[in-house]
Amino acid sequence: MLQSINLSDSCPGLTVDPSKIQSLFRGVCKKKSTGPDGISAFLLKTCAEELTPVWCPIFQQSIDQHMVPALWKKSTIIPVPKKPCPSDNNDYRPVALTSVIIKCFEKYVVSLLKSQIDSALDPFQFAYRQGRGTDDAINGITHLTLKHLENPKPMPVSCLLILAPLLTPYSLTS
């Protein structure tokens, strides 16, 4: 069962840690393209120590107000050729260039939220969790099925009908 998580207007658990922001800035790949805000990844990485005190209050204000600046939401769409000599519009794929700053901010907020909700997640939640995947879900279902089959009480036929198609394709591929 999921527990309720209280995120009040001030977001007391969501505070900006300058050392983590500086670490994020230093970890940016210098070769990332500049987004519509004009702030290059090279500048952010090179001047991480000097820019951290400037960006931390902006990040904190954004968290407190539950808003991000409009410029951070913008992206520049660049057509990238799919093949060496494109002859048609379908020979291009769109690539959206977004702000390097918002990427750092999003990464930071995701880490904060994950740390707060991890304990509230169901242990059988396998999707969108680091270190868990389809194999874990299948192993869990298999374990529960075998555990129920060993039990003197018979498993309802409806459960077997649901589980059988799920287990068969994966047992053949392993």
C-alpha atoms as a PDB file:
ATOM      1  CA  MET A   1       0.000   0.000   0.000  1.00  0.00           C
ATOM      2  CA  LEU A   2       1.312   3.434  -0.895  1.00  0.00           C
ATOM      3  CA  GLN A   3       1.808   5.931   1.876  1.00  0.00           C
ATOM      4  CA  SER A   4       0.780   9.508   1.315  1.00  0.00           C
ATOM      5  CA  ILE A   5       3.629  11.936   0.857  1.00  0.00           C
ATOM      6  CA  ASN A   6       3.098  15.469   2.080  1.00  0.00           C
ATOM      7  CA  LEU A   7       4.527  18.117  -0.209  1.00  0.00           C
ATOM      8  CA  SER A   8       3.455  21.387   1.333  1.00  0.00           C
ATOM      9  CA  ASP A   9       3.710  24.733  -0.439  1.00  0.00           C
ATOM     10  CA  SER A  10       7.171  25.328   0.963  1.00  0.00           C
ATOM     11  CA  CYS A  11       8.444  21.807   0.132  1.00  0.00           C
ATOM     12  CA  PRO A  12      10.422  21.400   3.358  1.00  0.00           C
ATOM     13  CA  GLY A  13      12.164  18.241   2.161  1.00  0.00           C
ATOM     14  CA  LEU A  14      13.123  19.742  -1.176  1.00  0.00           C
ATOM     15  CA  THR A  15      16.008  22.072  -0.499  1.00  0.00           C
ATOM     16  CA  VAL A  16      18.852  22.838  -2.831  1.00  0.00           C
ATOM     17  CA  ASP A  17      22.233  21.516  -1.759  1.00  0.00           C
ATOM     18  CA  PRO A  18      24.971  23.679  -3.362  1.00  0.00           C
ATOM     19  CA  SER A  19      27.556  20.895  -3.224  1.00  0.00           C
ATOM     20  CA  LYS A  20      25.274  18.574  -5.226  1.00  0.00           C
ATOM     21  CA  ILE A  21      24.454  21.315  -7.732  1.00  0.00           C
ATOM     22  CA  GLN A  22      28.144  22.046  -8.184  1.00  0.00           C
ATOM     23  CA  SER A  23      28.774  18.334  -8.679  1.00  0.00           C
ATOM     24  CA  LEU A  24      26.030  18.208 -11.328  1.00  0.00           C
ATOM     25  CA  PHE A  25      27.517  21.218 -13.109  1.00  0.00           C
ATOM     26  CA  ARG A  26      30.977  19.646 -13.071  1.00  0.00           C
ATOM     27  CA  GLY A  27      29.548  16.410 -14.462  1.00  0.00           C
ATOM     28  CA  VAL A  28      28.043  18.027 -17.559  1.00  0.00           C
ATOM     29  CA  CYS A  29      29.545  16.831 -20.830  1.00  0.00           C
ATOM     30  CA  LYS A  30      31.394  19.790 -22.382  1.00  0.00           C
ATOM     31  CA  LYS A  31      30.312  18.782 -25.878  1.00  0.00           C
ATOM     32  CA  LYS A  32      26.555  19.079 -25.211  1.00  0.00           C
ATOM     33  CA  SER A  33      24.873  21.557 -27.516  1.00  0.00           C
ATOM     34  CA  THR A  34      23.819  24.936 -26.207  1.00  0.00           C
ATOM     35  CA  GLY A  35      20.064  25.289 -25.732  1.00  0.00           C
ATOM     36  CA  PRO A  36      17.843  28.290 -26.444  1.00  0.00           C
ATOM     37  CA  ASP A  37      19.047  30.077 -23.283  1.00  0.00           C
ATOM     38  CA  GLY A  38      22.558  30.428 -24.752  1.00  0.00           C
ATOM     39  CA  ILE A  39      24.325  28.900 -21.717  1.00  0.00           C
ATOM     40  CA  SER A  40      26.883  26.415 -22.959  1.00  0.00           C
ATOM     41  CA  ALA A  41      27.763  23.172 -21.208  1.00  0.00           C
ATOM     42  CA  PHE A  42      31.434  24.147 -21.489  1.00  0.00           C
ATOM     43  CA  LEU A  43      30.803  27.350 -19.511  1.00  0.00           C
ATOM     44  CA  LEU A  44      28.730  25.533 -16.896  1.00  0.00           C
ATOM     45  CA  LYS A  45      31.357  22.836 -16.394  1.00  0.00           C
ATOM     46  CA  THR A  46      34.344  25.187 -16.434  1.00  0.00           C
ATOM     47  CA  CYS A  47      32.834  27.778 -14.088  1.00  0.00           C
ATOM     48  CA  ALA A  48      30.841  25.381 -11.858  1.00  0.00           C
ATOM     49  CA  GLU A  49      32.290  26.776  -8.636  1.00  0.00           C
ATOM     50  CA  GLU A  50      31.512  30.385  -9.565  1.00  0.00           C
ATOM     51  CA  LEU A  51      28.044  29.685 -11.037  1.00  0.00           C
ATOM     52  CA  THR A  52      26.712  27.449  -8.254  1.00  0.00           C
ATOM     53  CA  PRO A  53      25.970  30.314  -5.809  1.00  0.00           C
ATOM     54  CA  VAL A  54      24.173  32.148  -8.626  1.00  0.00           C
ATOM     55  CA  TRP A  55      21.958  29.231  -9.685  1.00  0.00           C
ATOM     56  CA  CYS A  56      21.126  27.713  -6.260  1.00  0.00           C
ATOM     57  CA  PRO A  57      18.727  30.517  -5.193  1.00  0.00           C
ATOM     58  CA  ILE A  58      17.030  30.355  -8.607  1.00  0.00           C
ATOM     59  CA  PHE A  59      16.618  26.593  -8.282  1.00  0.00           C
ATOM     60  CA  GLN A  60      15.280  26.946  -4.737  1.00  0.00           C
ATOM     61  CA  GLN A  61      12.810  29.636  -5.780  1.00  0.00           C
ATOM     62  CA  SER A  62      11.646  27.427  -8.630  1.00  0.00           C
ATOM     63  CA  ILE A  63      11.064  24.537  -6.203  1.00  0.00           C
ATOM     64  CA  ASP A  64       9.287  26.741  -3.661  1.00  0.00           C
ATOM     65  CA  GLN A  65       7.002  28.313  -6.273  1.00  0.00           C
ATOM     66  CA  HIS A  66       6.428  25.015  -8.129  1.00  0.00           C
ATOM     67  CA  MET A  67       7.316  26.766 -11.381  1.00  0.00           C
ATOM     68  CA  VAL A  68      10.188  26.901 -13.825  1.00  0.00           C
ATOM     69  CA  PRO A  69      11.137  29.905 -15.933  1.00  0.00           C
ATOM     70  CA  ALA A  70       9.507  29.925 -19.372  1.00  0.00           C
ATOM     71  CA  LEU A  71      12.895  29.983 -21.112  1.00  0.00           C
ATOM     72  CA  TRP A  72      13.758  26.611 -19.572  1.00  0.00           C
ATOM     73  CA  LYS A  73      10.686  25.071 -21.198  1.00  0.00           C
ATOM     74  CA  LYS A  74      11.685  26.164 -24.693  1.00  0.00           C
ATOM     75  CA  SER A  75      13.638  24.026 -27.100  1.00  0.00           C
ATOM     76  CA  THR A  76      15.192  24.485 -30.494  1.00  0.00           C
ATOM     77  CA  ILE A  77      14.281  21.815 -33.029  1.00  0.00           C
ATOM     78  CA  ILE A  78      17.155  20.889 -35.330  1.00  0.00           C
ATOM     79  CA  PRO A  79      16.578  18.605 -38.340  1.00  0.00           C
ATOM     80  CA  VAL A  80      19.271  15.915 -38.397  1.00  0.00           C
ATOM     81  CA  PRO A  81      19.683  13.818 -41.562  1.00  0.00           C
ATOM     82  CA  LYS A  82      18.942  10.107 -41.216  1.00  0.00           C
ATOM     83  CA  LYS A  83      21.097   9.246 -44.226  1.00  0.00           C
ATOM     84  CA  PRO A  84      24.148  10.818 -45.899  1.00  0.00           C
ATOM     85  CA  CYS A  85      22.323  12.530 -48.781  1.00  0.00           C
ATOM     86  CA  PRO A  86      18.800  13.444 -47.689  1.00  0.00           C
ATOM     87  CA  SER A  87      16.429  14.168 -50.572  1.00  0.00           C
ATOM     88  CA  ASP A  88      13.077  14.385 -48.783  1.00  0.00           C
ATOM     89  CA  ASN A  89      11.757  15.880 -45.545  1.00  0.00           C
ATOM     90  CA  ASN A  90      11.200  12.325 -44.277  1.00  0.00           C
ATOM     91  CA  ASP A  91      14.968  11.798 -44.471  1.00  0.00           C
ATOM     92  CA  TYR A  92      15.395  14.006 -41.403  1.00  0.00           C
ATOM     93  CA  ARG A  93      14.654  13.353 -37.759  1.00  0.00           C
ATOM     94  CA  PRO A  94      13.901  16.172 -35.327  1.00  0.00           C
ATOM     95  CA  VAL A  95      16.249  16.697 -32.383  1.00  0.00           C
ATOM     96  CA  ALA A  96      15.191  19.079 -29.625  1.00  0.00           C
ATOM     97  CA  LEU A  97      17.948  21.127 -28.009  1.00  0.00           C
ATOM     98  CA  THR A  98      16.961  22.061 -24.479  1.00  0.00           C
ATOM     99  CA  SER A  99      18.687  24.120 -21.826  1.00  0.00           C
ATOM    100  CA  VAL A 100      21.637  22.480 -20.090  1.00  0.00           C
ATOM    101  CA  ILE A 101      20.538  24.270 -16.905  1.00  0.00           C
ATOM    102  CA  ILE A 102      17.081  22.638 -16.911  1.00  0.00           C
ATOM    103  CA  LYS A 103      18.653  19.231 -17.498  1.00  0.00           C
ATOM    104  CA  CYS A 104      20.790  19.698 -14.379  1.00  0.00           C
ATOM    105  CA  PHE A 105      17.822  21.020 -12.416  1.00  0.00           C
ATOM    106  CA  GLU A 106      15.595  18.110 -13.499  1.00  0.00           C
ATOM    107  CA  LYS A 107      18.272  15.587 -12.575  1.00  0.00           C
ATOM    108  CA  TYR A 108      18.584  17.172  -9.132  1.00  0.00           C
ATOM    109  CA  VAL A 109      14.813  17.287  -8.490  1.00  0.00           C
ATOM    110  CA  VAL A 110      14.410  13.667  -9.607  1.00  0.00           C
ATOM    111  CA  SER A 111      17.122  12.584  -7.153  1.00  0.00           C
ATOM    112  CA  LEU A 112      15.363  14.498  -4.344  1.00  0.00           C
ATOM    113  CA  LEU A 113      11.977  13.006  -5.147  1.00  0.00           C
ATOM    114  CA  LYS A 114      13.324   9.477  -5.511  1.00  0.00           C
ATOM    115  CA  SER A 115      14.985   9.684  -2.122  1.00  0.00           C
ATOM    116  CA  GLN A 116      11.672  10.755  -0.555  1.00  0.00           C
ATOM    117  CA  ILE A 117       9.346   8.250  -2.241  1.00  0.00           C
ATOM    118  CA  ASP A 118      11.533   5.140  -2.404  1.00  0.00           C
ATOM    119  CA  SER A 119      10.361   3.867   0.979  1.00  0.00           C
ATOM    120  CA  ALA A 120       6.710   4.430   0.017  1.00  0.00           C
ATOM    121  CA  LEU A 121       6.829   2.355  -3.182  1.00  0.00           C
ATOM    122  CA  ASP A 122       5.311  -1.098  -3.319  1.00  0.00           C
ATOM    123  CA  PRO A 123       7.990  -3.832  -3.172  1.00  0.00           C
ATOM    124  CA  PHE A 124       6.397  -5.346  -6.289  1.00  0.00           C
ATOM    125  CA  GLN A 125       6.880  -2.124  -8.271  1.00  0.00           C
ATOM    126  CA  PHE A 126       9.461  -3.160 -10.872  1.00  0.00           C
ATOM    127  CA  ALA A 127       9.002  -0.586 -13.623  1.00  0.00           C
ATOM    128  CA  TYR A 128      10.878   2.711 -13.499  1.00  0.00           C
ATOM    129  CA  ARG A 129      13.063   1.661 -10.580  1.00  0.00           C
ATOM    130  CA  GLN A 130      16.812   1.423 -10.790  1.00  0.00           C
ATOM    131  CA  GLY A 131      18.176  -2.094 -10.477  1.00  0.00           C
ATOM    132  CA  ARG A 132      14.795  -3.721 -11.144  1.00  0.00           C
ATOM    133  CA  GLY A 133      13.300  -4.972 -14.353  1.00  0.00           C
ATOM    134  CA  THR A 134      11.260  -7.568 -16.183  1.00  0.00           C
ATOM    135  CA  ASP A 135      13.413 -10.469 -14.994  1.00  0.00           C
ATOM    136  CA  ASP A 136      12.804  -9.477 -11.379  1.00  0.00           C
ATOM    137  CA  ALA A 137       9.051  -9.285 -11.972  1.00  0.00           C
ATOM    138  CA  ILE A 138       9.005 -12.695 -13.652  1.00  0.00           C
ATOM    139  CA  ASN A 139      11.108 -14.242 -10.876  1.00  0.00           C
ATOM    140  CA  GLY A 140       8.754 -12.730  -8.291  1.00  0.00           C
ATOM    141  CA  ILE A 141       5.655 -14.084 -10.038  1.00  0.00           C
ATOM    142  CA  THR A 142       7.287 -17.491 -10.456  1.00  0.00           C
ATOM    143  CA  HIS A 143       8.290 -17.576  -6.791  1.00  0.00           C
ATOM    144  CA  LEU A 144       4.791 -16.627  -5.610  1.00  0.00           C
ATOM    145  CA  THR A 145       3.196 -19.160  -7.959  1.00  0.00           C
ATOM    146  CA  LEU A 146       5.442 -21.993  -6.777  1.00  0.00           C
ATOM    147  CA  LYS A 147       4.916 -20.976  -3.167  1.00  0.00           C
ATOM    148  CA  HIS A 148       1.144 -21.136  -3.651  1.00  0.00           C
ATOM    149  CA  LEU A 149       1.365 -24.472  -5.479  1.00  0.00           C
ATOM    150  CA  GLU A 150       3.238 -26.009  -2.532  1.00  0.00           C
ATOM    151  CA  ASN A 151       0.511 -24.786  -0.187  1.00  0.00           C
ATOM    152  CA  PRO A 152      -2.192 -27.365   0.646  1.00  0.00           C
ATOM    153  CA  LYS A 153      -4.833 -24.871  -0.438  1.00  0.00           C
ATOM    154  CA  PRO A 154      -5.253 -25.001  -4.218  1.00  0.00           C
ATOM    155  CA  MET A 155      -4.606 -21.837  -6.185  1.00  0.00           C
ATOM    156  CA  PRO A 156      -7.728 -20.476  -7.860  1.00  0.00           C
ATOM    157  CA  VAL A 157      -7.948 -21.470 -11.521  1.00  0.00           C
ATOM    158  CA  SER A 158      -8.322 -17.796 -12.462  1.00  0.00           C
ATOM    159  CA  CYS A 159      -4.821 -17.084 -11.096  1.00  0.00           C
ATOM    160  CA  LEU A 160      -3.317 -19.930 -13.091  1.00  0.00           C
ATOM    161  CA  LEU A 161      -5.069 -18.755 -16.252  1.00  0.00           C
ATOM    162  CA  ILE A 162      -3.593 -15.274 -15.775  1.00  0.00           C
ATOM    163  CA  LEU A 163      -0.070 -16.426 -14.905  1.00  0.00           C
ATOM    164  CA  ALA A 164       0.392 -19.221 -17.457  1.00  0.00           C
ATOM    165  CA  PRO A 165       0.597 -17.008 -20.579  1.00  0.00           C
ATOM    166  CA  LEU A 166       2.962 -14.641 -18.785  1.00  0.00           C
ATOM    167  CA  LEU A 167       5.462 -17.301 -17.775  1.00  0.00           C
ATOM    168  CA  THR A 168       5.537 -19.464 -20.921  1.00  0.00           C
ATOM    169  CA  PRO A 169       7.280 -17.085 -23.399  1.00  0.00           C
ATOM    170  CA  TYR A 170       9.974 -16.126 -20.918  1.00  0.00           C
ATOM    171  CA  SER A 171      10.744 -19.672 -19.823  1.00  0.00           C
ATOM    172  CA  LEU A 172      11.364 -20.581 -23.490  1.00  0.00           C
ATOM    173  CA  THR A 173      13.803 -17.731 -24.098  1.00  0.00           C
ATOM    174  CA  SER A 174      16.005 -18.174 -21.019  1.00  0.00           C
END
